Amino acid sequence: MLVLGSSCAANLLDLPTGTGPCCLRRAKNEGLLVTVCSRCGQKTLEQLRLADGGVMHSVQHCTNCDTLWQRDANASRNIRLIAAALAYGQEYSVVYNRSPST
């Protein structure tokens, strides 16, 4: 679980302070942070497949914008995008929300 609640955290992210609480609440589904491309915002990431049939779990390829990502680097960029949106009083993209359960 990730919680940012201090002006110190806002300073680390280079976000405005004094505009209300800077708080990144727990994502509805943390797994979505690694499945959404932080460059194009689409759920089009796939694990990199090797020529011998193996899979590199830490490297992902976006089939939409053709970007290669290290999984954790992409997730951290997504966290920053969500934190920035919340700090500026904006809604973050619904692509990070879990699908409603039926």
N, C-alpha and C. Protein backbone atom coordinates (compact mmCIF):
# COMPACT_ATOMS: atom_id res chain seq x y z
N MET A 1 0.84 -1.17 0.00
CA MET A 1 0.00 0.00 0.00
C MET A 1 0.89 1.23 0.00
N LEU A 2 0.53 2.22 -0.80
CA LEU A 2 1.29 3.45 -0.92
C LEU A 2 0.45 4.59 -0.41
N VAL A 3 1.00 5.37 0.50
CA VAL A 3 0.29 6.53 1.01
C VAL A 3 1.25 7.70 1.04
N LEU A 4 0.91 8.76 0.36
CA LEU A 4 1.66 10.00 0.42
C LEU A 4 0.77 11.01 1.12
N GLY A 5 1.23 11.59 2.21
CA GLY A 5 0.35 12.49 2.91
C GLY A 5 1.01 13.75 3.41
N SER A 6 2.27 13.96 3.14
CA SER A 6 2.94 15.12 3.70
C SER A 6 3.39 16.06 2.59
N SER A 7 3.67 17.29 2.99
CA SER A 7 4.20 18.23 2.01
C SER A 7 5.57 17.80 1.55
N CYS A 8 6.29 17.04 2.39
CA CYS A 8 7.59 16.50 2.01
C CYS A 8 7.44 15.58 0.81
N ALA A 9 6.42 14.72 0.84
CA ALA A 9 6.17 13.83 -0.28
C ALA A 9 5.82 14.63 -1.52
N ALA A 10 5.03 15.70 -1.34
CA ALA A 10 4.66 16.55 -2.48
C ALA A 10 5.91 17.20 -3.07
N ASN A 11 6.85 17.61 -2.22
CA ASN A 11 8.08 18.21 -2.71
C ASN A 11 8.92 17.21 -3.50
N LEU A 12 8.95 15.96 -3.05
CA LEU A 12 9.70 14.94 -3.78
C LEU A 12 9.14 14.74 -5.18
N LEU A 13 7.83 14.90 -5.31
CA LEU A 13 7.19 14.71 -6.61
C LEU A 13 7.10 16.01 -7.39
N ASP A 14 7.62 17.13 -6.81
CA ASP A 14 7.55 18.44 -7.42
C ASP A 14 6.10 18.84 -7.67
N LEU A 15 5.27 18.68 -6.63
CA LEU A 15 3.85 18.98 -6.71
C LEU A 15 3.54 20.17 -5.83
N PRO A 16 2.44 20.88 -6.10
CA PRO A 16 2.10 22.05 -5.29
C PRO A 16 1.70 21.63 -3.88
N THR A 17 2.01 22.48 -2.91
CA THR A 17 1.58 22.24 -1.54
C THR A 17 0.59 23.33 -1.15
N GLY A 18 -0.16 23.08 -0.10
CA GLY A 18 -1.11 24.07 0.37
C GLY A 18 -2.39 24.11 -0.44
N THR A 19 -2.60 23.16 -1.33
CA THR A 19 -3.81 23.15 -2.14
C THR A 19 -4.72 22.00 -1.72
N GLY A 20 -4.63 21.64 -0.46
CA GLY A 20 -5.42 20.51 0.03
C GLY A 20 -4.51 19.33 0.27
N PRO A 21 -5.06 18.27 0.75
CA PRO A 21 -4.21 17.12 1.08
C PRO A 21 -3.63 16.47 -0.17
N CYS A 22 -2.35 16.22 -0.10
CA CYS A 22 -1.69 15.48 -1.18
C CYS A 22 -1.65 14.04 -0.72
N CYS A 23 -2.58 13.26 -1.15
CA CYS A 23 -2.67 11.89 -0.65
C CYS A 23 -2.94 10.96 -1.80
N LEU A 24 -2.04 10.01 -2.00
CA LEU A 24 -2.26 8.98 -3.00
C LEU A 24 -2.84 7.78 -2.28
N ARG A 25 -4.12 7.62 -2.42
CA ARG A 25 -4.77 6.50 -1.76
C ARG A 25 -4.40 5.21 -2.47
N ARG A 26 -4.65 4.13 -1.79
CA ARG A 26 -4.35 2.84 -2.38
C ARG A 26 -5.12 2.71 -3.70
N ALA A 27 -4.40 2.32 -4.73
CA ALA A 27 -5.05 2.14 -6.02
C ALA A 27 -6.11 1.05 -5.89
N LYS A 28 -7.16 1.18 -6.66
CA LYS A 28 -8.23 0.19 -6.59
C LYS A 28 -7.69 -1.19 -6.94
N ASN A 29 -6.69 -1.24 -7.79
CA ASN A 29 -6.08 -2.51 -8.15
C ASN A 29 -4.64 -2.23 -8.53
N GLU A 30 -3.72 -2.51 -7.60
CA GLU A 30 -2.32 -2.20 -7.85
C GLU A 30 -1.77 -2.92 -9.07
N GLY A 31 -2.35 -4.05 -9.42
CA GLY A 31 -1.89 -4.78 -10.59
C GLY A 31 -2.03 -3.99 -11.88
N LEU A 32 -2.97 -3.06 -11.91
CA LEU A 32 -3.17 -2.25 -13.11
C LEU A 32 -2.01 -1.29 -13.34
N LEU A 33 -1.25 -0.96 -12.29
CA LEU A 33 -0.13 -0.05 -12.45
C LEU A 33 0.93 -0.62 -13.38
N VAL A 34 1.01 -1.94 -13.46
CA VAL A 34 2.01 -2.56 -14.33
C VAL A 34 1.43 -3.04 -15.65
N THR A 35 0.14 -2.87 -15.86
CA THR A 35 -0.45 -3.31 -17.13
C THR A 35 -0.82 -2.15 -18.04
N VAL A 36 -0.70 -0.91 -17.53
CA VAL A 36 -1.02 0.28 -18.32
C VAL A 36 0.28 0.96 -18.72
N CYS A 37 0.43 1.24 -20.00
CA CYS A 37 1.62 1.94 -20.49
C CYS A 37 1.56 3.39 -20.01
N SER A 38 2.62 3.85 -19.34
CA SER A 38 2.62 5.21 -18.82
C SER A 38 2.92 6.25 -19.91
N ARG A 39 3.28 5.81 -21.10
CA ARG A 39 3.50 6.74 -22.19
C ARG A 39 2.20 7.03 -22.94
N CYS A 40 1.44 5.99 -23.31
CA CYS A 40 0.22 6.21 -24.11
C CYS A 40 -1.06 6.01 -23.31
N GLY A 41 -0.96 5.43 -22.10
CA GLY A 41 -2.13 5.27 -21.24
C GLY A 41 -3.06 4.13 -21.63
N GLN A 42 -2.59 3.21 -22.43
CA GLN A 42 -3.42 2.09 -22.87
C GLN A 42 -3.02 0.81 -22.14
N LYS A 43 -3.96 -0.10 -22.01
CA LYS A 43 -3.68 -1.41 -21.41
C LYS A 43 -3.19 -2.37 -22.49
N THR A 44 -2.04 -2.07 -23.05
CA THR A 44 -1.54 -2.86 -24.17
C THR A 44 -0.14 -3.41 -23.91
N LEU A 45 0.23 -3.57 -22.65
CA LEU A 45 1.55 -4.10 -22.33
C LEU A 45 1.54 -5.62 -22.35
N GLU A 46 2.58 -6.17 -22.93
CA GLU A 46 2.77 -7.62 -22.98
C GLU A 46 4.17 -7.92 -22.50
N GLN A 47 4.35 -9.08 -21.89
CA GLN A 47 5.68 -9.49 -21.47
C GLN A 47 6.52 -9.76 -22.71
N LEU A 48 7.79 -9.42 -22.62
CA LEU A 48 8.70 -9.62 -23.74
C LEU A 48 8.99 -11.10 -23.90
N ARG A 49 8.77 -11.61 -25.08
CA ARG A 49 9.03 -13.02 -25.38
C ARG A 49 10.37 -13.14 -26.09
N LEU A 50 11.13 -14.11 -25.66
CA LEU A 50 12.45 -14.34 -26.24
C LEU A 50 12.35 -15.29 -27.42
N ALA A 51 13.38 -15.29 -28.24
CA ALA A 51 13.38 -16.14 -29.43
C ALA A 51 13.30 -17.62 -29.08
N ASP A 52 13.82 -18.00 -27.92
CA ASP A 52 13.80 -19.41 -27.52
C ASP A 52 12.48 -19.81 -26.86
N GLY A 53 11.51 -18.91 -26.84
CA GLY A 53 10.20 -19.20 -26.25
C GLY A 53 10.05 -18.77 -24.82
N GLY A 54 11.14 -18.33 -24.21
CA GLY A 54 11.09 -17.87 -22.83
C GLY A 54 10.43 -16.50 -22.72
N VAL A 55 10.18 -16.08 -21.50
CA VAL A 55 9.53 -14.80 -21.24
C VAL A 55 10.37 -14.01 -20.25
N MET A 56 10.57 -12.73 -20.52
CA MET A 56 11.22 -11.84 -19.56
C MET A 56 10.12 -11.12 -18.80
N HIS A 57 9.90 -11.51 -17.55
CA HIS A 57 8.79 -10.97 -16.77
C HIS A 57 8.99 -9.51 -16.39
N SER A 58 10.23 -9.05 -16.29
CA SER A 58 10.47 -7.68 -15.86
C SER A 58 10.50 -6.68 -17.01
N VAL A 59 10.44 -7.17 -18.25
CA VAL A 59 10.45 -6.28 -19.41
C VAL A 59 9.12 -6.42 -20.14
N GLN A 60 8.49 -5.28 -20.42
CA GLN A 60 7.20 -5.28 -21.10
C GLN A 60 7.27 -4.45 -22.36
N HIS A 61 6.44 -4.83 -23.32
CA HIS A 61 6.36 -4.14 -24.60
C HIS A 61 4.96 -3.61 -24.79
N CYS A 62 4.83 -2.32 -25.12
CA CYS A 62 3.53 -1.74 -25.42
C CYS A 62 3.27 -1.92 -26.91
N THR A 63 2.20 -2.63 -27.22
CA THR A 63 1.88 -2.88 -28.62
C THR A 63 1.22 -1.67 -29.27
N ASN A 64 0.82 -0.68 -28.47
CA ASN A 64 0.19 0.53 -29.02
C ASN A 64 1.23 1.56 -29.46
N CYS A 65 2.18 1.88 -28.57
CA CYS A 65 3.17 2.92 -28.90
C CYS A 65 4.57 2.36 -29.12
N ASP A 66 4.71 1.02 -29.09
CA ASP A 66 5.96 0.32 -29.38
C ASP A 66 7.09 0.71 -28.44
N THR A 67 6.77 0.89 -27.15
CA THR A 67 7.76 1.23 -26.14
C THR A 67 8.11 0.00 -25.32
N LEU A 68 9.40 -0.15 -25.01
CA LEU A 68 9.84 -1.20 -24.09
C LEU A 68 9.97 -0.58 -22.71
N TRP A 69 9.44 -1.26 -21.71
CA TRP A 69 9.47 -0.78 -20.33
C TRP A 69 10.08 -1.81 -19.41
N GLN A 70 10.84 -1.36 -18.43
CA GLN A 70 11.16 -2.18 -17.28
C GLN A 70 9.91 -2.05 -16.41
N ARG A 71 9.34 -3.15 -15.98
CA ARG A 71 8.03 -3.17 -15.33
C ARG A 71 7.92 -2.19 -14.16
N ASP A 72 8.90 -2.17 -13.27
CA ASP A 72 8.83 -1.29 -12.10
C ASP A 72 8.97 0.18 -12.48
N ALA A 73 9.76 0.49 -13.49
CA ALA A 73 9.89 1.88 -13.93
C ALA A 73 8.56 2.39 -14.49
N ASN A 74 7.88 1.56 -15.26
CA ASN A 74 6.58 1.93 -15.80
C ASN A 74 5.57 2.14 -14.67
N ALA A 75 5.56 1.23 -13.69
CA ALA A 75 4.62 1.35 -12.57
C ALA A 75 4.89 2.62 -11.78
N SER A 76 6.16 2.96 -11.56
CA SER A 76 6.46 4.18 -10.80
C SER A 76 6.03 5.43 -11.55
N ARG A 77 6.14 5.42 -12.86
CA ARG A 77 5.64 6.57 -13.64
C ARG A 77 4.11 6.66 -13.53
N ASN A 78 3.44 5.52 -13.52
CA ASN A 78 1.98 5.54 -13.35
C ASN A 78 1.59 6.08 -11.98
N ILE A 79 2.34 5.69 -10.93
CA ILE A 79 2.08 6.20 -9.59
C ILE A 79 2.25 7.72 -9.56
N ARG A 80 3.29 8.22 -10.21
CA ARG A 80 3.52 9.67 -10.24
C ARG A 80 2.40 10.38 -10.99
N LEU A 81 1.92 9.81 -12.08
CA LEU A 81 0.81 10.42 -12.82
C LEU A 81 -0.45 10.51 -11.97
N ILE A 82 -0.72 9.45 -11.21
CA ILE A 82 -1.90 9.45 -10.33
C ILE A 82 -1.72 10.48 -9.22
N ALA A 83 -0.53 10.51 -8.61
CA ALA A 83 -0.26 11.46 -7.52
C ALA A 83 -0.38 12.90 -8.00
N ALA A 84 0.15 13.18 -9.19
CA ALA A 84 0.07 14.54 -9.73
C ALA A 84 -1.38 14.93 -10.00
N ALA A 85 -2.16 14.03 -10.56
CA ALA A 85 -3.57 14.33 -10.82
C ALA A 85 -4.30 14.63 -9.52
N LEU A 86 -4.09 13.83 -8.49
CA LEU A 86 -4.75 14.05 -7.20
C LEU A 86 -4.29 15.35 -6.55
N ALA A 87 -2.99 15.66 -6.67
CA ALA A 87 -2.46 16.88 -6.06
C ALA A 87 -3.05 18.13 -6.71
N TYR A 88 -3.33 18.06 -7.99
CA TYR A 88 -3.91 19.20 -8.69
C TYR A 88 -5.43 19.17 -8.69
N GLY A 89 -6.01 18.26 -7.91
CA GLY A 89 -7.46 18.21 -7.77
C GLY A 89 -8.16 17.64 -8.99
N GLN A 90 -7.46 16.85 -9.78
CA GLN A 90 -8.05 16.26 -10.97
C GLN A 90 -8.30 14.78 -10.73
N GLU A 91 -9.18 14.23 -11.52
CA GLU A 91 -9.41 12.79 -11.46
C GLU A 91 -8.31 12.10 -12.25
N TYR A 92 -7.89 10.95 -11.77
CA TYR A 92 -6.93 10.19 -12.56
C TYR A 92 -7.69 9.29 -13.52
N SER A 93 -7.02 8.84 -14.53
CA SER A 93 -7.65 8.07 -15.60
C SER A 93 -8.37 6.84 -15.06
N VAL A 94 -9.54 6.59 -15.60
CA VAL A 94 -10.32 5.43 -15.17
C VAL A 94 -9.65 4.13 -15.58
N VAL A 95 -8.65 4.19 -16.42
CA VAL A 95 -7.96 2.98 -16.84
C VAL A 95 -7.28 2.30 -15.63
N TYR A 96 -7.03 3.07 -14.56
CA TYR A 96 -6.41 2.49 -13.37
C TYR A 96 -7.43 1.89 -12.40
N ASN A 97 -8.70 2.02 -12.67
CA ASN A 97 -9.73 1.48 -11.79
C ASN A 97 -10.04 0.05 -12.14
N ARG A 98 -10.36 -0.72 -11.13
CA ARG A 98 -10.77 -2.09 -11.32
C ARG A 98 -12.14 -2.12 -12.00
N SER A 99 -12.37 -3.09 -12.84
CA SER A 99 -13.69 -3.24 -13.46
C SER A 99 -14.72 -3.55 -12.37
N PRO A 100 -15.93 -3.00 -12.50
CA PRO A 100 -16.95 -3.28 -11.49
C PRO A 100 -17.22 -4.77 -11.40
N SER A 101 -17.32 -5.27 -10.17
CA SER A 101 -17.59 -6.70 -10.02
C SER A 101 -19.05 -6.96 -10.29
N THR A 102 -19.30 -8.12 -10.82
CA THR A 102 -20.69 -8.46 -11.17
C THR A 102 -21.28 -9.42 -10.18
